[in-house]
PDB file of all heavy atoms in Angstrom:
ATOM      1  N   LYS A   1       1.913  -2.690  15.092  1.00  0.00           N
ATOM      2  CA  LYS A   1       0.594  -2.986  15.630  1.00  0.00           C
ATOM      3  C   LYS A   1       0.713  -4.117  16.640  1.00  0.00           C
ATOM      4  O   LYS A   1       1.581  -4.976  16.528  1.00  0.00           O
ATOM      5  CB  LYS A   1      -0.368  -3.381  14.508  1.00  0.00           C
ATOM      6  CG  LYS A   1      -0.635  -2.274  13.500  1.00  0.00           C
ATOM      7  CD  LYS A   1      -1.595  -2.731  12.420  1.00  0.00           C
ATOM      8  CE  LYS A   1      -1.858  -1.626  11.410  1.00  0.00           C
ATOM      9  NZ  LYS A   1      -2.766  -2.065  10.324  1.00  0.00           N
ATOM     10  N   ALA A   2      -0.180  -4.106  17.618  1.00  0.00           N
ATOM     11  CA  ALA A   2      -0.168  -5.159  18.627  1.00  0.00           C
ATOM     12  C   ALA A   2      -0.420  -6.509  17.968  1.00  0.00           C
ATOM     13  O   ALA A   2      -1.373  -6.676  17.210  1.00  0.00           O
ATOM     14  CB  ALA A   2      -1.235  -4.879  19.689  1.00  0.00           C
ATOM     15  N   GLY A   3       0.440  -7.467  18.244  1.00  0.00           N
ATOM     16  CA  GLY A   3       0.269  -8.801  17.678  1.00  0.00           C
ATOM     17  C   GLY A   3       1.006  -9.011  16.379  1.00  0.00           C
ATOM     18  O   GLY A   3       1.275 -10.147  16.006  1.00  0.00           O
ATOM     19  N   LYS A   4       1.307  -7.941  15.651  1.00  0.00           N
ATOM     20  CA  LYS A   4       2.074  -8.083  14.399  1.00  0.00           C
ATOM     21  C   LYS A   4       2.935  -6.831  14.185  1.00  0.00           C
ATOM     22  O   LYS A   4       2.616  -5.969  13.369  1.00  0.00           O
ATOM     23  CB  LYS A   4       1.164  -8.354  13.201  1.00  0.00           C
ATOM     24  CG  LYS A   4       0.081  -7.311  12.936  1.00  0.00           C
ATOM     25  CD  LYS A   4      -0.595  -7.583  11.604  1.00  0.00           C
ATOM     26  CE  LYS A   4      -1.608  -6.491  11.278  1.00  0.00           C
ATOM     27  NZ  LYS A   4      -2.242  -6.696   9.975  1.00  0.00           N
ATOM     28  N   PRO A   5       4.040  -6.729  14.943  1.00  0.00           N
ATOM     29  CA  PRO A   5       4.914  -5.567  14.787  1.00  0.00           C
ATOM     30  C   PRO A   5       5.567  -5.501  13.417  1.00  0.00           C
ATOM     31  O   PRO A   5       5.852  -4.417  12.923  1.00  0.00           O
ATOM     32  CB  PRO A   5       5.951  -5.764  15.892  1.00  0.00           C
ATOM     33  CG  PRO A   5       5.939  -7.238  16.176  1.00  0.00           C
ATOM     34  CD  PRO A   5       4.524  -7.673  15.960  1.00  0.00           C
ATOM     35  N   ASN A   6       5.791  -6.673  12.801  1.00  0.00           N
ATOM     36  CA  ASN A   6       6.426  -6.718  11.477  1.00  0.00           C
ATOM     37  C   ASN A   6       5.712  -7.729  10.586  1.00  0.00           C
ATOM     38  O   ASN A   6       5.161  -8.722  11.078  1.00  0.00           O
ATOM     39  CB  ASN A   6       7.900  -7.116  11.586  1.00  0.00           C
ATOM     40  CG  ASN A   6       8.708  -6.143  12.413  1.00  0.00           C
ATOM     41  OD1 ASN A   6       8.796  -4.969  12.094  1.00  0.00           O
ATOM     42  ND2 ASN A   6       9.281  -6.627  13.503  1.00  0.00           N
ATOM     43  N   GLU A   7       5.722  -7.448   9.279  1.00  0.00           N
ATOM     44  CA  GLU A   7       5.245  -8.404   8.289  1.00  0.00           C
ATOM     45  C   GLU A   7       6.301  -8.513   7.192  1.00  0.00           C
ATOM     46  O   GLU A   7       7.113  -7.600   7.011  1.00  0.00           O
ATOM     47  CB  GLU A   7       3.898  -7.977   7.701  1.00  0.00           C
ATOM     48  CG  GLU A   7       2.739  -8.109   8.676  1.00  0.00           C
ATOM     49  CD  GLU A   7       1.387  -7.828   8.036  1.00  0.00           C
ATOM     50  OE1 GLU A   7       1.374  -7.273   6.915  1.00  0.00           O
ATOM     51  OE2 GLU A   7       0.372  -8.156   8.650  1.00  0.00           O
ATOM     52  N   PHE A   8       6.269  -9.609   6.464  1.00  0.00           N
ATOM     53  CA  PHE A   8       7.268  -9.840   5.429  1.00  0.00           C
ATOM     54  C   PHE A   8       6.570 -10.053   4.088  1.00  0.00           C
ATOM     55  O   PHE A   8       5.613 -10.816   3.993  1.00  0.00           O
ATOM     56  CB  PHE A   8       8.126 -11.060   5.777  1.00  0.00           C
ATOM     57  CG  PHE A   8       8.953 -10.865   7.015  1.00  0.00           C
ATOM     58  CD1 PHE A   8       8.431 -11.138   8.263  1.00  0.00           C
ATOM     59  CD2 PHE A   8      10.244 -10.382   6.925  1.00  0.00           C
ATOM     60  CE1 PHE A   8       9.173 -10.939   9.411  1.00  0.00           C
ATOM     61  CE2 PHE A   8      11.009 -10.191   8.058  1.00  0.00           C
ATOM     62  CZ  PHE A   8      10.476 -10.463   9.307  1.00  0.00           C
ATOM     63  N   GLY A   9       7.040  -9.354   3.096  1.00  0.00           N
ATOM     64  CA  GLY A   9       6.441  -9.482   1.771  1.00  0.00           C
ATOM     65  C   GLY A   9       6.734  -8.245   0.951  1.00  0.00           C
ATOM     66  O   GLY A   9       7.823  -7.682   1.020  1.00  0.00           O
ATOM     67  N   ARG A  10       5.743  -7.796   0.193  1.00  0.00           N
ATOM     68  CA  ARG A  10       5.860  -6.564  -0.579  1.00  0.00           C
ATOM     69  C   ARG A  10       4.604  -5.737  -0.344  1.00  0.00           C
ATOM     70  O   ARG A  10       3.540  -6.272  -0.022  1.00  0.00           O
ATOM     71  CB  ARG A  10       6.067  -6.849  -2.057  1.00  0.00           C
ATOM     72  CG  ARG A  10       4.884  -7.423  -2.805  1.00  0.00           C
ATOM     73  CD  ARG A  10       5.198  -7.561  -4.286  1.00  0.00           C
ATOM     74  NE  ARG A  10       5.602  -6.283  -4.843  1.00  0.00           N
ATOM     75  CZ  ARG A  10       6.593  -6.153  -5.737  1.00  0.00           C
ATOM     76  NH1 ARG A  10       7.243  -7.207  -6.171  1.00  0.00           N
ATOM     77  NH2 ARG A  10       6.922  -4.968  -6.204  1.00  0.00           N
ATOM     78  N   ALA A  11       4.721  -4.424  -0.496  1.00  0.00           N
ATOM     79  CA  ALA A  11       3.610  -3.519  -0.221  1.00  0.00           C
ATOM     80  C   ALA A  11       3.001  -2.996  -1.520  1.00  0.00           C
ATOM     81  O   ALA A  11       3.684  -2.874  -2.532  1.00  0.00           O
ATOM     82  CB  ALA A  11       4.085  -2.352   0.635  1.00  0.00           C
ATOM     83  N   PHE A  12       1.688  -2.713  -1.455  1.00  0.00           N
ATOM     84  CA  PHE A  12       0.971  -2.088  -2.563  1.00  0.00           C
ATOM     85  C   PHE A  12       0.351  -0.794  -2.058  1.00  0.00           C
ATOM     86  O   PHE A  12      -0.070  -0.713  -0.909  1.00  0.00           O
ATOM     87  CB  PHE A  12      -0.148  -3.009  -3.086  1.00  0.00           C
ATOM     88  CG  PHE A  12       0.341  -4.205  -3.845  1.00  0.00           C
ATOM     89  CD1 PHE A  12       0.679  -5.371  -3.183  1.00  0.00           C
ATOM     90  CD2 PHE A  12       0.451  -4.174  -5.221  1.00  0.00           C
ATOM     91  CE1 PHE A  12       1.122  -6.487  -3.867  1.00  0.00           C
ATOM     92  CE2 PHE A  12       0.899  -5.285  -5.919  1.00  0.00           C
ATOM     93  CZ  PHE A  12       1.229  -6.440  -5.249  1.00  0.00           C
ATOM     94  N   GLN A  13       0.297   0.199  -2.933  1.00  0.00           N
ATOM     95  CA  GLN A  13      -0.408   1.433  -2.631  1.00  0.00           C
ATOM     96  C   GLN A  13      -1.799   1.348  -3.254  1.00  0.00           C
ATOM     97  O   GLN A  13      -1.938   1.194  -4.462  1.00  0.00           O
ATOM     98  CB  GLN A  13       0.350   2.644  -3.188  1.00  0.00           C
ATOM     99  CG  GLN A  13       1.616   2.992  -2.446  1.00  0.00           C
ATOM    100  CD  GLN A  13       1.360   3.543  -1.058  1.00  0.00           C
ATOM    101  OE1 GLN A  13       0.246   3.997  -0.743  1.00  0.00           O
ATOM    102  NE2 GLN A  13       2.374   3.498  -0.202  1.00  0.00           N
ATOM    103  N   LEU A  14      -2.826   1.414  -2.391  1.00  0.00           N
ATOM    104  CA  LEU A  14      -4.203   1.309  -2.853  1.00  0.00           C
ATOM    105  C   LEU A  14      -4.938   2.617  -2.596  1.00  0.00           C
ATOM    106  O   LEU A  14      -4.715   3.282  -1.577  1.00  0.00           O
ATOM    107  CB  LEU A  14      -4.929   0.175  -2.126  1.00  0.00           C
ATOM    108  CG  LEU A  14      -4.346  -1.231  -2.266  1.00  0.00           C
ATOM    109  CD1 LEU A  14      -5.180  -2.226  -1.465  1.00  0.00           C
ATOM    110  CD2 LEU A  14      -4.284  -1.649  -3.724  1.00  0.00           C
ATOM    111  N   GLY A  15      -5.834   2.966  -3.515  1.00  0.00           N
ATOM    112  CA  GLY A  15      -6.672   4.144  -3.349  1.00  0.00           C
ATOM    113  C   GLY A  15      -8.136   3.778  -3.469  1.00  0.00           C
ATOM    114  O   GLY A  15      -8.502   2.851  -4.187  1.00  0.00           O
ATOM    115  N   ARG A  16      -8.968   4.498  -2.729  1.00  0.00           N
ATOM    116  CA  ARG A  16     -10.423   4.314  -2.808  1.00  0.00           C
ATOM    117  C   ARG A  16     -10.992   5.440  -3.674  1.00  0.00           C
ATOM    118  O   ARG A  16     -10.717   6.611  -3.444  1.00  0.00           O
ATOM    119  CB  ARG A  16     -11.016   4.380  -1.406  1.00  0.00           C
ATOM    120  CG  ARG A  16     -12.527   4.323  -1.347  1.00  0.00           C
ATOM    121  CD  ARG A  16     -12.979   4.693   0.058  1.00  0.00           C
ATOM    122  NE  ARG A  16     -14.426   4.675   0.195  1.00  0.00           N
ATOM    123  CZ  ARG A  16     -15.083   5.321   1.160  1.00  0.00           C
ATOM    124  NH1 ARG A  16     -14.414   6.042   2.040  1.00  0.00           N
ATOM    125  NH2 ARG A  16     -16.390   5.256   1.239  1.00  0.00           N
ATOM    126  N   ILE A  17     -11.770   5.073  -4.670  1.00  0.00           N
ATOM    127  CA  ILE A  17     -12.368   6.056  -5.561  1.00  0.00           C
ATOM    128  C   ILE A  17     -13.884   5.916  -5.520  1.00  0.00           C
ATOM    129  O   ILE A  17     -14.419   5.058  -4.817  1.00  0.00           O
ATOM    130  CB  ILE A  17     -11.831   5.901  -7.004  1.00  0.00           C
ATOM    131  CG1 ILE A  17     -12.095   4.484  -7.521  1.00  0.00           C
ATOM    132  CG2 ILE A  17     -10.340   6.199  -7.051  1.00  0.00           C
ATOM    133  CD1 ILE A  17     -11.635   4.271  -8.967  1.00  0.00           C
ATOM    134  N   GLY A  18     -14.593   6.762  -6.269  1.00  0.00           N
ATOM    135  CA  GLY A  18     -16.039   6.772  -6.257  1.00  0.00           C
ATOM    136  C   GLY A  18     -16.663   5.410  -6.503  1.00  0.00           C
ATOM    137  O   GLY A  18     -16.160   4.627  -7.297  1.00  0.00           O
ATOM    138  N   GLY A  19     -17.768   5.134  -5.790  1.00  0.00           N
ATOM    139  CA  GLY A  19     -18.442   3.853  -5.930  1.00  0.00           C
ATOM    140  C   GLY A  19     -17.820   2.760  -5.096  1.00  0.00           C
ATOM    141  O   GLY A  19     -18.152   1.586  -5.248  1.00  0.00           O
ATOM    142  N   ASN A  20     -16.897   3.127  -4.198  1.00  0.00           N
ATOM    143  CA  ASN A  20     -16.201   2.155  -3.348  1.00  0.00           C
ATOM    144  C   ASN A  20     -15.410   1.132  -4.165  1.00  0.00           C
ATOM    145  O   ASN A  20     -15.362  -0.052  -3.832  1.00  0.00           O
ATOM    146  CB  ASN A  20     -17.169   1.436  -2.400  1.00  0.00           C
ATOM    147  CG  ASN A  20     -17.441   2.251  -1.153  1.00  0.00           C
ATOM    148  OD1 ASN A  20     -16.660   3.128  -0.794  1.00  0.00           O
ATOM    149  ND2 ASN A  20     -18.548   1.966  -0.490  1.00  0.00           N
ATOM    150  N   PHE A  21     -14.795   1.616  -5.226  1.00  0.00           N
ATOM    151  CA  PHE A  21     -13.854   0.800  -5.978  1.00  0.00           C
ATOM    152  C   PHE A  21     -12.440   1.087  -5.477  1.00  0.00           C
ATOM    153  O   PHE A  21     -12.168   2.156  -4.906  1.00  0.00           O
ATOM    154  CB  PHE A  21     -13.935   1.095  -7.479  1.00  0.00           C
ATOM    155  CG  PHE A  21     -15.219   0.628  -8.115  1.00  0.00           C
ATOM    156  CD1 PHE A  21     -16.293   1.498  -8.269  1.00  0.00           C
ATOM    157  CD2 PHE A  21     -15.336  -0.674  -8.570  1.00  0.00           C
ATOM    158  CE1 PHE A  21     -17.469   1.061  -8.866  1.00  0.00           C
ATOM    159  CE2 PHE A  21     -16.515  -1.116  -9.170  1.00  0.00           C
ATOM    160  CZ  PHE A  21     -17.577  -0.250  -9.311  1.00  0.00           C
ATOM    161  N   LEU A  22     -11.548   0.143  -5.695  1.00  0.00           N
ATOM    162  CA  LEU A  22     -10.144   0.318  -5.342  1.00  0.00           C
ATOM    163  C   LEU A  22      -9.312   0.473  -6.602  1.00  0.00           C
ATOM    164  O   LEU A  22      -9.630  -0.115  -7.637  1.00  0.00           O
ATOM    165  CB  LEU A  22      -9.623  -0.885  -4.550  1.00  0.00           C
ATOM    166  CG  LEU A  22     -10.160  -1.079  -3.129  1.00  0.00           C
ATOM    167  CD1 LEU A  22      -9.600  -2.368  -2.531  1.00  0.00           C
ATOM    168  CD2 LEU A  22      -9.821   0.100  -2.238  1.00  0.00           C
ATOM    169  N   ILE A  23      -8.255   1.239  -6.495  1.00  0.00           N
ATOM    170  CA  ILE A  23      -7.288   1.346  -7.580  1.00  0.00           C
ATOM    171  C   ILE A  23      -5.916   0.966  -7.026  1.00  0.00           C
ATOM    172  O   ILE A  23      -5.491   1.479  -5.991  1.00  0.00           O
ATOM    173  CB  ILE A  23      -7.273   2.768  -8.197  1.00  0.00           C
ATOM    174  CG1 ILE A  23      -6.196   2.853  -9.283  1.00  0.00           C
ATOM    175  CG2 ILE A  23      -7.100   3.848  -7.153  1.00  0.00           C
ATOM    176  CD1 ILE A  23      -6.254   4.147 -10.088  1.00  0.00           C
ATOM    177  N   ALA A  24      -5.265   0.003  -7.684  1.00  0.00           N
ATOM    178  CA  ALA A  24      -3.920  -0.422  -7.291  1.00  0.00           C
ATOM    179  C   ALA A  24      -2.920   0.347  -8.144  1.00  0.00           C
ATOM    180  O   ALA A  24      -2.851   0.147  -9.362  1.00  0.00           O
ATOM    181  CB  ALA A  24      -3.757  -1.926  -7.484  1.00  0.00           C
ATOM    182  N   PHE A  25      -2.170   1.214  -7.523  1.00  0.00           N
ATOM    183  CA  PHE A  25      -1.235   2.038  -8.255  1.00  0.00           C
ATOM    184  C   PHE A  25       0.020   1.245  -8.613  1.00  0.00           C
ATOM    185  O   PHE A  25       0.334   0.229  -7.985  1.00  0.00           O
ATOM    186  CB  PHE A  25      -0.878   3.286  -7.452  1.00  0.00           C
ATOM    187  CG  PHE A  25      -2.047   4.209  -7.246  1.00  0.00           C
ATOM    188  CD1 PHE A  25      -2.756   4.205  -6.055  1.00  0.00           C
ATOM    189  CD2 PHE A  25      -2.453   5.056  -8.262  1.00  0.00           C
ATOM    190  CE1 PHE A  25      -3.842   5.041  -5.872  1.00  0.00           C
ATOM    191  CE2 PHE A  25      -3.544   5.902  -8.085  1.00  0.00           C
ATOM    192  CZ  PHE A  25      -4.241   5.896  -6.889  1.00  0.00           C
ATOM    193  N   THR A  26       0.735   1.708  -9.616  1.00  0.00           N
ATOM    194  CA  THR A  26       1.917   1.003 -10.113  1.00  0.00           C
ATOM    195  C   THR A  26       2.933   0.791  -9.002  1.00  0.00           C
ATOM    196  O   THR A  26       3.305   1.731  -8.293  1.00  0.00           O
ATOM    197  CB  THR A  26       2.568   1.796 -11.257  1.00  0.00           C
ATOM    198  OG1 THR A  26       1.610   1.969 -12.306  1.00  0.00           O
ATOM    199  CG2 THR A  26       3.786   1.052 -11.798  1.00  0.00           C
ATOM    200  N   SER A  27       3.357  -0.448  -8.845  1.00  0.00           N
ATOM    201  CA  SER A  27       4.336  -0.791  -7.818  1.00  0.00           C
ATOM    202  C   SER A  27       5.737  -0.576  -8.383  1.00  0.00           C
ATOM    203  O   SER A  27       6.178  -1.298  -9.271  1.00  0.00           O
ATOM    204  CB  SER A  27       4.152  -2.254  -7.386  1.00  0.00           C
ATOM    205  OG  SER A  27       5.048  -2.590  -6.352  1.00  0.00           O
ATOM    206  N   THR A  28       6.443   0.422  -7.867  1.00  0.00           N
ATOM    207  CA  THR A  28       7.779   0.758  -8.370  1.00  0.00           C
ATOM    208  C   THR A  28       8.887   0.258  -7.448  1.00  0.00           C
ATOM    209  O   THR A  28      10.061   0.344  -7.795  1.00  0.00           O
ATOM    210  CB  THR A  28       7.923   2.281  -8.529  1.00  0.00           C
ATOM    211  OG1 THR A  28       7.615   2.917  -7.267  1.00  0.00           O
ATOM    212  CG2 THR A  28       6.953   2.786  -9.595  1.00  0.00           C
ATOM    213  N   SER A  29       8.524  -0.248  -6.270  1.00  0.00           N
ATOM    214  CA  SER A  29       9.511  -0.809  -5.345  1.00  0.00           C
ATOM    215  C   SER A  29       8.814  -1.834  -4.464  1.00  0.00           C
ATOM    216  O   SER A  29       7.577  -1.917  -4.440  1.00  0.00           O
ATOM    217  CB  SER A  29      10.157   0.282  -4.489  1.00  0.00           C
ATOM    218  OG  SER A  29       9.228   0.782  -3.541  1.00  0.00           O
ATOM    219  N   VAL A  30       9.598  -2.607  -3.735  1.00  0.00           N
ATOM    220  CA  VAL A  30       9.022  -3.632  -2.869  1.00  0.00           C
ATOM    221  C   VAL A  30       8.364  -3.001  -1.649  1.00  0.00           C
ATOM    222  O   VAL A  30       7.297  -3.425  -1.217  1.00  0.00           O
ATOM    223  CB  VAL A  30      10.106  -4.636  -2.433  1.00  0.00           C
ATOM    224  CG1 VAL A  30       9.524  -5.695  -1.508  1.00  0.00           C
ATOM    225  CG2 VAL A  30      10.727  -5.306  -3.647  1.00  0.00           C
ATOM    226  N   ARG A  31       8.969  -1.959  -1.108  1.00  0.00           N
ATOM    227  CA  ARG A  31       8.459  -1.352   0.122  1.00  0.00           C
ATOM    228  C   ARG A  31       7.333  -0.350  -0.138  1.00  0.00           C
ATOM    229  O   ARG A  31       6.420  -0.226   0.677  1.00  0.00           O
ATOM    230  CB  ARG A  31       9.587  -0.658   0.881  1.00  0.00           C
ATOM    231  CG  ARG A  31      10.655  -1.602   1.390  1.00  0.00           C
ATOM    232  CD  ARG A  31      11.657  -0.859   2.261  1.00  0.00           C
ATOM    233  NE  ARG A  31      11.044  -0.384   3.482  1.00  0.00           N
ATOM    234  CZ  ARG A  31      10.977  -1.093   4.604  1.00  0.00           C
ATOM    235  NH1 ARG A  31      11.487  -2.305   4.646  1.00  0.00           N
ATOM    236  NH2 ARG A  31      10.412  -0.597   5.679  1.00  0.00           N
ATOM    237  N   MET A  32       7.395   0.394  -1.227  1.00  0.00           N
ATOM    238  CA  MET A  32       6.387   1.416  -1.548  1.00  0.00           C
ATOM    239  C   MET A  32       6.083   2.279  -0.325  1.00  0.00           C
ATOM    240  O   MET A  32       4.965   2.320   0.198  1.00  0.00           O
ATOM    241  CB  MET A  32       5.108   0.756  -2.073  1.00  0.00           C
ATOM    242  CG  MET A  32       5.245   0.132  -3.436  1.00  0.00           C
ATOM    243  SD  MET A  32       5.652   1.299  -4.755  1.00  0.00           S
ATOM    244  CE  MET A  32       4.170   2.276  -4.866  1.00  0.00           C
ATOM    245  N   GLU A  33       7.111   2.982   0.147  1.00  0.00           N
ATOM    246  CA  GLU A  33       6.966   3.831   1.328  1.00  0.00           C
ATOM    247  C   GLU A  33       5.885   4.885   1.097  1.00  0.00           C
ATOM    248  O   GLU A  33       5.704   5.394  -0.006  1.00  0.00           O
ATOM    249  CB  GLU A  33       8.294   4.520   1.642  1.00  0.00           C
ATOM    250  CG  GLU A  33       9.442   3.565   1.932  1.00  0.00           C
ATOM    251  CD  GLU A  33       9.356   2.945   3.321  1.00  0.00           C
ATOM    252  OE1 GLU A  33       8.394   3.243   4.044  1.00  0.00           O
ATOM    253  OE2 GLU A  33      10.256   2.167   3.668  1.00  0.00           O
ATOM    254  N   ASP A  34       5.186   5.256   2.171  1.00  0.00           N
ATOM    255  CA  ASP A  34       4.026   6.134   2.046  1.00  0.00           C
ATOM    256  C   ASP A  34       4.384   7.542   1.570  1.00  0.00           C
ATOM    257  O   ASP A  34       3.813   8.026   0.585  1.00  0.00           O
ATOM    258  CB  ASP A  34       3.289   6.211   3.384  1.00  0.00           C
ATOM    259  CG  ASP A  34       2.593   4.907   3.740  1.00  0.00           C
ATOM    260  OD1 ASP A  34       2.459   4.055   2.845  1.00  0.00           O
ATOM    261  OD2 ASP A  34       2.186   4.738   4.902  1.00  0.00           O
ATOM    262  N   LYS A  35       5.284   8.202   2.255  1.00  0.00           N
ATOM    263  CA  LYS A  35       5.581   9.604   1.918  1.00  0.00           C
ATOM    264  C   LYS A  35       6.031   9.777   0.462  1.00  0.00           C
ATOM    265  O   LYS A  35       5.489  10.618  -0.260  1.00  0.00           O
ATOM    266  CB  LYS A  35       6.645  10.163   2.867  1.00  0.00           C
ATOM    267  CG  LYS A  35       6.120  10.635   4.210  1.00  0.00           C
ATOM    268  CD  LYS A  35       7.220  11.309   5.000  1.00  0.00           C
ATOM    269  CE  LYS A  35       6.719  11.794   6.353  1.00  0.00           C
ATOM    270  NZ  LYS A  35       6.368  10.681   7.255  1.00  0.00           N
ATOM    271  N   PRO A  36       7.023   9.001  -0.008  1.00  0.00           N
ATOM    272  CA  PRO A  36       7.465   9.203  -1.398  1.00  0.00           C
ATOM    273  C   PRO A  36       6.429   8.773  -2.436  1.00  0.00           C
ATOM    274  O   PRO A  36       6.581   9.101  -3.614  1.00  0.00           O
ATOM    275  CB  PRO A  36       8.722   8.312  -1.499  1.00  0.00           C
ATOM    276  CG  PRO A  36       9.136   8.019  -0.100  1.00  0.00           C
ATOM    277  CD  PRO A  36       7.881   8.029   0.692  1.00  0.00           C
ATOM    278  N   SER A  37       5.391   8.030  -2.007  1.00  0.00           N
ATOM    279  CA  SER A  37       4.426   7.495  -2.974  1.00  0.00           C
ATOM    280  C   SER A  37       3.270   8.444  -3.259  1.00  0.00           C
ATOM    281  O   SER A  37       2.582   8.284  -4.269  1.00  0.00           O
ATOM    282  CB  SER A  37       3.855   6.157  -2.467  1.00  0.00           C
ATOM    283  OG  SER A  37       4.861   5.185  -2.360  1.00  0.00           O
ATOM    284  N   LEU A  38       3.041   9.436  -2.391  1.00  0.00           N
ATOM    285  CA  LEU A  38       1.820  10.235  -2.519  1.00  0.00           C
ATOM    286  C   LEU A  38       1.753  10.995  -3.836  1.00  0.00           C
ATOM    287  O   LEU A  38       0.749  10.898  -4.561  1.00  0.00           O
ATOM    288  CB  LEU A  38       1.700  11.207  -1.337  1.00  0.00           C
ATOM    289  CG  LEU A  38       0.442  12.076  -1.352  1.00  0.00           C
ATOM    290  CD1 LEU A  38      -0.818  11.215  -1.363  1.00  0.00           C
ATOM    291  CD2 LEU A  38       0.428  13.045  -0.169  1.00  0.00           C
TER     292      LEU A  38
END
């Protein structure tokens, strides 16, 4: 992204469910890549 090509830390996979609540799914790795996480 413009202004922040890279960030440092760990990633979380978040989902939006009914009522505009968020669900934080189990973090099994630091990167939590998108494709393998679906």
